[in-house]
Amino acid sequence: MTQVAEIVTFSLAPGVTDAEFVALSQASEGFVRATPGFVHRQLTKGADGRWTDYVIWQDMETAQTVAATFPQQEFAPALMAAIAPDSAQMRHEEVHWQMKA
């Protein structure tokens, strides 16, 4: 079974602060952690102001199922509203190698 990286890049909507967005993202933690097949997640912001939500799932089926059900969760409308319209790009990639500390 090959792990899958879900990589979502986006910009924040005007007026949304970094701290507000991190808090909105943390509201999704319970859902993500409770999903069988969750491995790892991190949220980063680049020097260009674009954000990346990087999640490792156990397999492609899990990644696609979560991507389909995520928008229907209670926390999702506020989280999605904090992202600039038409700025989000999501892709799923097979993990072929990883190195841990």
C-alpha atoms as a PDB file:
ATOM      1  CA  MET A   1       0.000   0.000   0.000  1.00  0.00           C
ATOM      2  CA  THR A   2       1.435   3.384  -1.031  1.00  0.00           C
ATOM      3  CA  GLN A   3       0.929   6.422   1.178  1.00  0.00           C
ATOM      4  CA  VAL A   4      -0.507   9.515  -0.497  1.00  0.00           C
ATOM      5  CA  ALA A   5       0.338  13.177   0.027  1.00  0.00           C
ATOM      6  CA  GLU A   6      -2.577  15.587  -0.276  1.00  0.00           C
ATOM      7  CA  ILE A   7      -1.125  18.989  -1.104  1.00  0.00           C
ATOM      8  CA  VAL A   8      -3.377  22.043  -1.125  1.00  0.00           C
ATOM      9  CA  THR A   9      -1.919  25.470  -1.940  1.00  0.00           C
ATOM     10  CA  PHE A  10      -3.914  28.692  -1.586  1.00  0.00           C
ATOM     11  CA  SER A  11      -3.992  32.334  -0.548  1.00  0.00           C
ATOM     12  CA  LEU A  12      -6.012  33.768   2.295  1.00  0.00           C
ATOM     13  CA  ALA A  13      -9.072  35.881   1.648  1.00  0.00           C
ATOM     14  CA  PRO A  14      -8.631  39.621   2.188  1.00  0.00           C
ATOM     15  CA  GLY A  15      -8.788  40.584   5.854  1.00  0.00           C
ATOM     16  CA  VAL A  16      -8.065  37.100   7.232  1.00  0.00           C
ATOM     17  CA  THR A  17      -5.043  37.093   9.538  1.00  0.00           C
ATOM     18  CA  ASP A  18      -2.557  34.266   9.853  1.00  0.00           C
ATOM     19  CA  ALA A  19      -3.650  33.619  13.450  1.00  0.00           C
ATOM     20  CA  GLU A  20      -7.317  33.482  12.448  1.00  0.00           C
ATOM     21  CA  PHE A  21      -6.593  31.015   9.689  1.00  0.00           C
ATOM     22  CA  VAL A  22      -4.480  28.756  11.902  1.00  0.00           C
ATOM     23  CA  ALA A  23      -7.312  28.684  14.470  1.00  0.00           C
ATOM     24  CA  LEU A  24      -9.839  27.793  11.739  1.00  0.00           C
ATOM     25  CA  SER A  25      -7.533  25.023  10.521  1.00  0.00           C
ATOM     26  CA  GLN A  26      -7.105  23.677  14.039  1.00  0.00           C
ATOM     27  CA  ALA A  27     -10.901  23.337  14.242  1.00  0.00           C
ATOM     28  CA  SER A  28     -10.596  20.560  11.639  1.00  0.00           C
ATOM     29  CA  GLU A  29      -8.113  18.580  13.741  1.00  0.00           C
ATOM     30  CA  GLY A  30     -10.662  16.303  15.404  1.00  0.00           C
ATOM     31  CA  PHE A  31     -12.136  15.255  12.059  1.00  0.00           C
ATOM     32  CA  VAL A  32      -8.747  14.633  10.453  1.00  0.00           C
ATOM     33  CA  ARG A  33      -7.303  12.745  13.443  1.00  0.00           C
ATOM     34  CA  ALA A  34     -10.411  10.552  13.715  1.00  0.00           C
ATOM     35  CA  THR A  35     -10.154   9.464  10.091  1.00  0.00           C
ATOM     36  CA  PRO A  36      -8.650   5.980   9.772  1.00  0.00           C
ATOM     37  CA  GLY A  37      -5.632   6.277   7.503  1.00  0.00           C
ATOM     38  CA  PHE A  38      -4.444   9.688   8.733  1.00  0.00           C
ATOM     39  CA  VAL A  39      -0.647   9.764   9.087  1.00  0.00           C
ATOM     40  CA  HIS A  40       0.647  13.358   9.276  1.00  0.00           C
ATOM     41  CA  ARG A  41      -0.385  16.961   8.624  1.00  0.00           C
ATOM     42  CA  GLN A  42       1.375  20.320   8.503  1.00  0.00           C
ATOM     43  CA  LEU A  43       0.378  23.818   7.490  1.00  0.00           C
ATOM     44  CA  THR A  44       2.993  26.172   6.052  1.00  0.00           C
ATOM     45  CA  LYS A  45       3.183  29.685   4.618  1.00  0.00           C
ATOM     46  CA  GLY A  46       5.737  30.714   2.014  1.00  0.00           C
ATOM     47  CA  ALA A  47       7.557  34.008   1.608  1.00  0.00           C
ATOM     48  CA  ASP A  48       5.148  34.771  -1.255  1.00  0.00           C
ATOM     49  CA  GLY A  49       2.191  34.631   1.157  1.00  0.00           C
ATOM     50  CA  ARG A  50       0.783  31.388  -0.266  1.00  0.00           C
ATOM     51  CA  TRP A  51      -0.143  28.632   2.151  1.00  0.00           C
ATOM     52  CA  THR A  52       0.233  24.863   1.856  1.00  0.00           C
ATOM     53  CA  ASP A  53      -1.819  22.308   3.778  1.00  0.00           C
ATOM     54  CA  TYR A  54       0.159  19.068   3.490  1.00  0.00           C
ATOM     55  CA  VAL A  55      -1.475  15.824   4.669  1.00  0.00           C
ATOM     56  CA  ILE A  56      -0.175  12.273   4.440  1.00  0.00           C
ATOM     57  CA  TRP A  57      -2.836   9.572   4.126  1.00  0.00           C
ATOM     58  CA  GLN A  58      -2.401   5.809   4.263  1.00  0.00           C
ATOM     59  CA  ASP A  59      -3.674   5.347   0.698  1.00  0.00           C
ATOM     60  CA  MET A  60      -5.354   7.051  -2.268  1.00  0.00           C
ATOM     61  CA  GLU A  61      -8.827   5.777  -1.374  1.00  0.00           C
ATOM     62  CA  THR A  62      -8.643   7.453   2.035  1.00  0.00           C
ATOM     63  CA  ALA A  63      -7.301  10.700   0.563  1.00  0.00           C
ATOM     64  CA  GLN A  64     -10.094  10.892  -2.000  1.00  0.00           C
ATOM     65  CA  THR A  65     -12.810   9.985   0.503  1.00  0.00           C
ATOM     66  CA  VAL A  66     -11.673  12.672   2.931  1.00  0.00           C
ATOM     67  CA  ALA A  67     -11.382  15.254   0.139  1.00  0.00           C
ATOM     68  CA  ALA A  68     -14.990  14.511  -0.839  1.00  0.00           C
ATOM     69  CA  THR A  69     -16.408  14.630   2.710  1.00  0.00           C
ATOM     70  CA  PHE A  70     -14.284  17.470   4.150  1.00  0.00           C
ATOM     71  CA  PRO A  71     -16.485  20.276   2.709  1.00  0.00           C
ATOM     72  CA  GLN A  72     -19.559  18.774   4.404  1.00  0.00           C
ATOM     73  CA  GLN A  73     -18.109  19.043   7.933  1.00  0.00           C
ATOM     74  CA  GLU A  74     -19.383  21.637  10.421  1.00  0.00           C
ATOM     75  CA  PHE A  75     -16.113  23.595  10.488  1.00  0.00           C
ATOM     76  CA  ALA A  76     -15.692  23.683   6.690  1.00  0.00           C
ATOM     77  CA  PRO A  77     -17.759  26.748   5.686  1.00  0.00           C
ATOM     78  CA  ALA A  78     -15.729  29.112   7.891  1.00  0.00           C
ATOM     79  CA  LEU A  79     -12.448  27.530   6.820  1.00  0.00           C
ATOM     80  CA  MET A  80     -13.323  27.697   3.130  1.00  0.00           C
ATOM     81  CA  ALA A  81     -14.503  31.318   3.443  1.00  0.00           C
ATOM     82  CA  ALA A  82     -11.059  32.246   4.788  1.00  0.00           C
ATOM     83  CA  ILE A  83      -9.429  31.084   1.539  1.00  0.00           C
ATOM     84  CA  ALA A  84      -9.323  33.491  -1.413  1.00  0.00           C
ATOM     85  CA  PRO A  85     -11.811  32.406  -4.095  1.00  0.00           C
ATOM     86  CA  ASP A  86     -10.247  30.508  -6.993  1.00  0.00           C
ATOM     87  CA  SER A  87      -6.826  30.423  -5.310  1.00  0.00           C
ATOM     88  CA  ALA A  88      -6.885  26.826  -4.028  1.00  0.00           C
ATOM     89  CA  GLN A  89      -5.153  24.046  -5.943  1.00  0.00           C
ATOM     90  CA  MET A  90      -5.276  20.463  -4.661  1.00  0.00           C
ATOM     91  CA  ARG A  91      -3.351  17.446  -5.837  1.00  0.00           C
ATOM     92  CA  HIS A  92      -2.730  13.923  -4.583  1.00  0.00           C
ATOM     93  CA  GLU A  93       0.697  12.359  -5.049  1.00  0.00           C
ATOM     94  CA  GLU A  94       2.074   8.932  -4.181  1.00  0.00           C
ATOM     95  CA  VAL A  95       4.806   9.022  -1.550  1.00  0.00           C
ATOM     96  CA  HIS A  96       7.830   7.125  -2.873  1.00  0.00           C
ATOM     97  CA  TRP A  97      10.331   7.986  -0.171  1.00  0.00           C
ATOM     98  CA  GLN A  98      10.423   9.796   3.136  1.00  0.00           C
ATOM     99  CA  MET A  99      13.045  10.492   5.748  1.00  0.00           C
ATOM    100  CA  LYS A 100      12.316  11.076   9.407  1.00  0.00           C
ATOM    101  CA  ALA A 101      14.472  12.671  12.093  1.00  0.00           C
END
